[in-house]
Amino acid sequence: MSKKYEELGITDAFMFAKVMSNKEICKPVLEQILNIKIRDIEYVDYEETIQIAPGSKSIRLDIYVEDDNNTVFNLEMQTTNYEELPKRSRYYQDIIDLKLIEKGQAYDILKTSYVIFICTFDFFEKNRSIYEFENICVDDSDIKLNDGTHKIFLNTKGNRDGISEELQMLLDYFDGREPESQLAKDIDRKVFEARNNKQWRREYMSYQMELDKQFRNGREKGREEGMDNISKLLKLLVSEKKYDEIEKISEDKEYQKELLKKYKIIE
């Protein structure tokens, strides 16, 4: 059952994307997560990322920005714990690099990039608030590849030791507690304002209609191979926000069967 628009909170992907579309919010969030200062940020593919319209072929609710040093940041809220989350981070990394290559950039000037997931769960189960990954040598962890790629998984439920007080309060807010820091209060105010934004309300309705349409199309095309199994698969894909996969399985029966086996729905 989908939420009503006025019930959306900051951890709902649609609301998170809309609130983070304000650079006065997104920039300090990035600064606190990475413990750096950023002079300015610019949104990349803004319309492709968070403008939702009926008939869209895909739905993206991640935030993609660049700073004044040409560092790229991809930021997404995650509330569903699924085993392929690390591969999702790899996918986003590939997308960032492909966009640069398509623009004619040479390999040697690919930008430093950060793929950041704010998770309301502890994916790695080590009770840390931050898990940051870089490519290193397996035989000698002191040797870094220095390819400029970083993947960060925040855990709103982790131990707060070793992180700034501001970030602690931000993670507490994302975990459902009352806002205490100025930034958390600013975000909370933007959520309240967003709930009264009529344009965003219409976009949310279009977003839900598109999800329902993709769900129905997948069910109709999968009827011959077992409605119950396809329904289970679709629910998993929707919960994991794999909307492109939903479209693909509705057109490709072999890929549909492959995913059914992958998720152990069929033998």
Protein backbone atom coordinates (compact mmCIF):
# COMPACT_ATOMS: atom_id res chain seq x y z
CA MET A 1 0.00 0.00 0.00
CA SER A 2 1.59 3.28 -1.12
CA LYS A 3 1.72 6.24 1.24
CA LYS A 4 -0.36 9.35 0.78
CA TYR A 5 1.73 12.30 -0.32
CA GLU A 6 1.17 14.20 2.94
CA GLU A 7 2.48 11.17 4.86
CA LEU A 8 5.88 11.12 3.14
CA GLY A 9 8.95 11.65 5.32
CA ILE A 10 12.60 12.29 4.55
CA THR A 11 13.40 8.56 4.26
CA ASP A 12 10.83 8.08 1.48
CA ALA A 13 12.80 8.11 -1.77
CA PHE A 14 10.55 10.60 -3.55
CA MET A 15 10.62 13.11 -0.68
CA PHE A 16 14.36 12.67 -0.15
CA ALA A 17 15.04 13.43 -3.82
CA LYS A 18 12.85 16.53 -3.76
CA VAL A 19 14.32 17.95 -0.55
CA MET A 20 17.88 17.26 -1.73
CA SER A 21 17.12 19.12 -4.97
CA ASN A 22 17.73 22.25 -2.86
CA LYS A 23 21.47 22.92 -2.88
CA GLU A 24 21.23 24.77 0.45
CA ILE A 25 20.27 21.39 1.93
CA CYS A 26 22.23 18.98 -0.26
CA LYS A 27 25.58 20.79 0.04
CA PRO A 28 25.77 20.78 3.87
CA VAL A 29 24.55 17.16 3.94
CA LEU A 30 27.48 16.18 1.70
CA GLU A 31 29.86 18.30 3.78
CA GLN A 32 28.83 16.59 7.00
CA ILE A 33 28.96 13.09 5.54
CA LEU A 34 32.42 13.58 4.02
CA ASN A 35 33.77 16.04 6.62
CA ILE A 36 34.88 18.46 3.90
CA LYS A 37 34.04 21.99 2.77
CA ILE A 38 32.36 22.47 -0.61
CA ARG A 39 32.14 25.94 -2.15
CA ASP A 40 29.29 25.15 -4.51
CA ILE A 41 27.46 22.27 -6.21
CA GLU A 42 25.69 21.93 -9.54
CA TYR A 43 22.96 19.43 -10.34
CA VAL A 44 23.65 17.08 -13.26
CA ASP A 45 20.76 15.67 -15.33
CA TYR A 46 18.30 17.34 -12.95
CA GLU A 47 15.24 16.71 -15.10
CA GLU A 48 16.20 13.10 -15.79
CA THR A 49 16.75 12.42 -12.13
CA ILE A 50 13.76 13.71 -10.22
CA GLN A 51 11.16 15.00 -12.67
CA ILE A 52 8.46 12.32 -12.82
CA ALA A 53 5.94 12.25 -15.64
CA PRO A 54 3.39 9.71 -16.91
CA GLY A 55 4.87 7.38 -19.51
CA SER A 56 8.44 7.67 -18.25
CA LYS A 57 10.52 4.69 -19.34
CA SER A 58 12.46 4.68 -16.08
CA ILE A 59 12.24 6.27 -12.67
CA ARG A 60 15.32 7.59 -10.89
CA LEU A 61 15.22 9.04 -7.42
CA ASP A 62 18.93 9.44 -6.73
CA ILE A 63 20.69 12.81 -6.60
CA TYR A 64 23.65 13.44 -8.93
CA VAL A 65 25.72 16.61 -8.36
CA GLU A 66 29.18 18.03 -9.04
CA ASP A 67 31.14 20.46 -6.87
CA ASP A 68 33.43 23.32 -7.88
CA ASN A 69 36.43 20.93 -7.91
CA ASN A 70 34.70 18.67 -10.48
CA THR A 71 34.10 15.94 -7.91
CA VAL A 72 30.93 13.97 -8.62
CA PHE A 73 28.52 12.84 -5.90
CA ASN A 74 25.66 10.36 -6.26
CA LEU A 75 23.38 10.31 -3.21
CA GLU A 76 20.45 8.01 -2.46
CA MET A 77 18.26 7.04 0.50
CA GLN A 78 17.92 3.28 1.08
CA THR A 79 15.31 1.75 3.38
CA THR A 80 15.28 -1.78 1.92
CA ASN A 81 18.06 -4.16 2.90
CA TYR A 82 18.83 -6.42 -0.04
CA GLU A 83 21.96 -8.37 -0.87
CA GLU A 84 22.69 -6.65 -4.18
CA LEU A 85 23.16 -3.19 -2.69
CA PRO A 86 26.96 -3.27 -3.27
CA LYS A 87 26.33 -4.07 -6.94
CA ARG A 88 23.93 -1.15 -7.08
CA SER A 89 26.80 1.08 -5.93
CA ARG A 90 28.94 -0.39 -8.71
CA TYR A 91 26.16 0.30 -11.22
CA TYR A 92 25.99 3.95 -10.19
CA GLN A 93 29.76 4.20 -10.44
CA ASP A 94 29.64 2.81 -13.97
CA ILE A 95 26.90 5.28 -14.93
CA ILE A 96 29.00 8.20 -13.68
CA ASP A 97 32.02 7.09 -15.72
CA LEU A 98 29.97 6.37 -18.84
CA LYS A 99 28.41 9.83 -18.75
CA LEU A 100 31.85 11.40 -18.69
CA ILE A 101 33.17 9.18 -21.48
CA GLU A 102 30.11 9.93 -23.62
CA LYS A 103 30.97 13.63 -23.27
CA GLY A 104 34.38 12.91 -24.77
CA GLN A 105 36.44 12.87 -21.58
CA ALA A 106 39.69 10.90 -21.72
CA TYR A 107 40.27 8.11 -19.21
CA ASP A 108 43.07 10.00 -17.51
CA ILE A 109 40.79 12.88 -16.52
CA LEU A 110 37.85 10.90 -15.15
CA LYS A 111 36.57 12.77 -12.12
CA THR A 112 36.81 11.77 -8.48
CA SER A 113 33.43 10.34 -7.53
CA TYR A 114 31.48 9.37 -4.43
CA VAL A 115 28.52 7.00 -4.47
CA ILE A 116 26.71 7.46 -1.15
CA PHE A 117 23.86 5.41 0.28
CA ILE A 118 22.10 6.60 3.43
CA CYS A 119 20.77 3.33 4.86
CA THR A 120 18.23 2.94 7.66
CA PHE A 121 19.78 -0.47 8.42
CA ASP A 122 23.23 -1.96 9.02
CA PHE A 123 24.02 -3.76 5.76
CA PHE A 124 27.45 -5.01 6.89
CA GLU A 125 26.31 -5.81 10.46
CA LYS A 126 29.43 -4.37 12.12
CA ASN A 127 27.60 -1.61 14.03
CA ARG A 128 29.49 1.20 12.28
CA SER A 129 27.81 4.44 11.25
CA ILE A 130 30.03 4.84 8.19
CA TYR A 131 31.50 2.23 5.86
CA GLU A 132 33.77 3.77 3.22
CA PHE A 133 35.33 1.74 0.43
CA GLU A 134 38.19 2.43 -1.97
CA ASN A 135 40.00 0.07 -4.30
CA ILE A 136 43.10 -1.31 -2.59
CA CYS A 137 45.67 -4.05 -3.19
CA VAL A 138 44.48 -7.40 -1.84
CA ASP A 139 48.03 -8.42 -0.91
CA ASP A 140 48.98 -5.12 0.73
CA SER A 141 46.13 -2.95 2.05
CA ASP A 142 48.51 0.03 2.36
CA ILE A 143 48.61 0.25 -1.43
CA LYS A 144 45.66 2.17 -2.88
CA LEU A 145 44.71 2.06 -6.53
CA ASN A 146 43.93 5.80 -6.44
CA ASP A 147 41.39 5.56 -9.25
CA GLY A 148 39.30 8.29 -7.65
CA THR A 149 36.28 6.13 -6.80
CA HIS A 150 34.68 6.04 -3.36
CA LYS A 151 31.62 4.17 -2.12
CA ILE A 152 30.08 5.12 1.21
CA PHE A 153 27.31 3.34 3.11
CA LEU A 154 25.87 5.26 6.06
CA ASN A 155 24.03 3.31 8.76
CA THR A 156 21.53 5.34 10.78
CA LYS A 157 21.55 2.70 13.53
CA GLY A 158 25.31 2.35 13.97
CA ASN A 159 27.66 3.24 16.82
CA ARG A 160 28.28 6.99 16.78
CA ASP A 161 31.90 6.83 17.99
CA GLY A 162 34.38 8.61 15.75
CA ILE A 163 31.92 10.81 13.86
CA SER A 164 31.13 14.48 14.34
CA GLU A 165 28.31 15.60 16.60
CA GLU A 166 26.60 17.24 13.62
CA LEU A 167 26.65 14.00 11.64
CA GLN A 168 25.41 12.10 14.69
CA MET A 169 22.37 14.36 14.90
CA LEU A 170 21.79 14.12 11.15
CA LEU A 171 21.82 10.31 11.26
CA ASP A 172 19.54 10.40 14.30
CA TYR A 173 17.08 12.50 12.31
CA PHE A 174 17.23 10.10 9.35
CA ASP A 175 16.54 7.32 11.85
CA GLY A 176 13.24 8.91 12.82
CA ARG A 177 14.16 11.02 15.84
CA GLU A 178 13.24 14.65 16.36
CA PRO A 179 15.60 17.10 14.60
CA GLU A 180 18.18 18.63 16.95
CA SER A 181 20.87 20.17 14.76
CA GLN A 182 20.20 23.25 12.63
CA LEU A 183 20.65 21.21 9.45
CA ALA A 184 18.21 18.53 10.59
CA LYS A 185 15.71 21.25 11.47
CA ASP A 186 16.19 22.84 8.04
CA ILE A 187 15.57 19.49 6.35
CA ASP A 188 12.49 18.88 8.46
CA ARG A 189 11.14 22.30 7.52
CA LYS A 190 11.70 21.54 3.82
CA VAL A 191 9.80 18.26 4.21
CA PHE A 192 6.88 20.20 5.68
CA GLU A 193 7.03 22.74 2.84
CA ALA A 194 7.25 19.96 0.25
CA ARG A 195 4.04 18.40 1.51
CA ASN A 196 2.28 21.63 0.51
CA ASN A 197 3.87 21.76 -2.95
CA LYS A 198 1.05 21.08 -5.42
CA GLN A 199 3.38 20.42 -8.35
CA TRP A 200 5.33 17.80 -6.41
CA ARG A 201 2.08 16.26 -5.24
CA ARG A 202 1.05 15.81 -8.89
CA GLU A 203 4.46 14.36 -9.72
CA TYR A 204 4.12 11.89 -6.84
CA MET A 205 0.74 10.80 -8.18
CA SER A 206 2.33 10.29 -11.61
CA TYR A 207 5.17 8.37 -9.98
CA GLN A 208 2.72 6.04 -8.22
CA MET A 209 0.67 5.62 -11.41
CA GLU A 210 3.80 4.65 -13.32
CA LEU A 211 4.76 2.08 -10.68
CA ASP A 212 1.24 0.66 -10.77
CA LYS A 213 1.32 0.55 -14.56
CA GLN A 214 4.65 -1.27 -14.63
CA PHE A 215 3.39 -3.67 -11.99
CA ARG A 216 0.19 -4.39 -13.96
CA ASN A 217 2.06 -4.82 -17.25
CA GLY A 218 4.45 -7.25 -15.63
CA ARG A 219 1.59 -9.24 -14.15
CA GLU A 220 -0.29 -9.46 -17.46
CA LYS A 221 2.75 -10.58 -19.44
CA GLY A 222 3.75 -13.07 -16.77
CA ARG A 223 0.36 -14.72 -16.39
CA GLU A 224 1.21 -17.74 -18.59
CA GLU A 225 4.27 -18.64 -16.48
CA GLY A 226 2.56 -18.48 -13.12
CA MET A 227 0.99 -15.37 -11.69
CA ASP A 228 2.01 -16.12 -8.12
CA ASN A 229 5.72 -16.41 -8.97
CA ILE A 230 5.74 -13.27 -11.11
CA SER A 231 3.88 -11.34 -8.43
CA LYS A 232 6.52 -12.31 -5.86
CA LEU A 233 9.30 -11.22 -8.21
CA LEU A 234 7.66 -7.88 -8.98
CA LYS A 235 7.16 -7.09 -5.32
CA LEU A 236 10.84 -7.78 -4.67
CA LEU A 237 11.93 -5.60 -7.59
CA VAL A 238 9.66 -2.74 -6.52
CA SER A 239 10.92 -2.95 -2.91
CA GLU A 240 14.49 -2.80 -4.25
CA LYS A 241 13.64 0.11 -6.59
CA LYS A 242 14.75 -1.90 -9.65
CA TYR A 243 12.24 -0.28 -11.97
CA ASP A 244 14.30 -0.84 -15.13
CA GLU A 245 14.32 -4.56 -14.32
CA ILE A 246 10.51 -4.55 -14.14
CA GLU A 247 10.32 -3.19 -17.67
CA LYS A 248 12.91 -5.68 -18.89
CA ILE A 249 11.21 -8.80 -17.48
CA SER A 250 7.93 -7.72 -19.07
CA GLU A 251 9.61 -7.92 -22.50
CA ASP A 252 12.21 -10.67 -22.07
CA LYS A 253 10.89 -14.06 -20.93
CA GLU A 254 14.37 -15.57 -20.62
CA TYR A 255 15.55 -12.77 -18.38
CA GLN A 256 12.35 -13.12 -16.38
CA LYS A 257 13.13 -16.80 -15.80
CA GLU A 258 16.72 -15.95 -14.90
CA LEU A 259 15.58 -13.55 -12.17
CA LEU A 260 13.02 -16.04 -10.85
CA LYS A 261 15.87 -18.50 -10.33
CA LYS A 262 18.21 -15.84 -8.97
CA TYR A 263 15.70 -14.89 -6.27
CA LYS A 264 15.06 -18.61 -5.65
CA ILE A 265 11.37 -18.27 -6.49
CA ILE A 266 11.68 -21.26 -8.83
CA GLU A 267 14.23 -24.08 -9.00
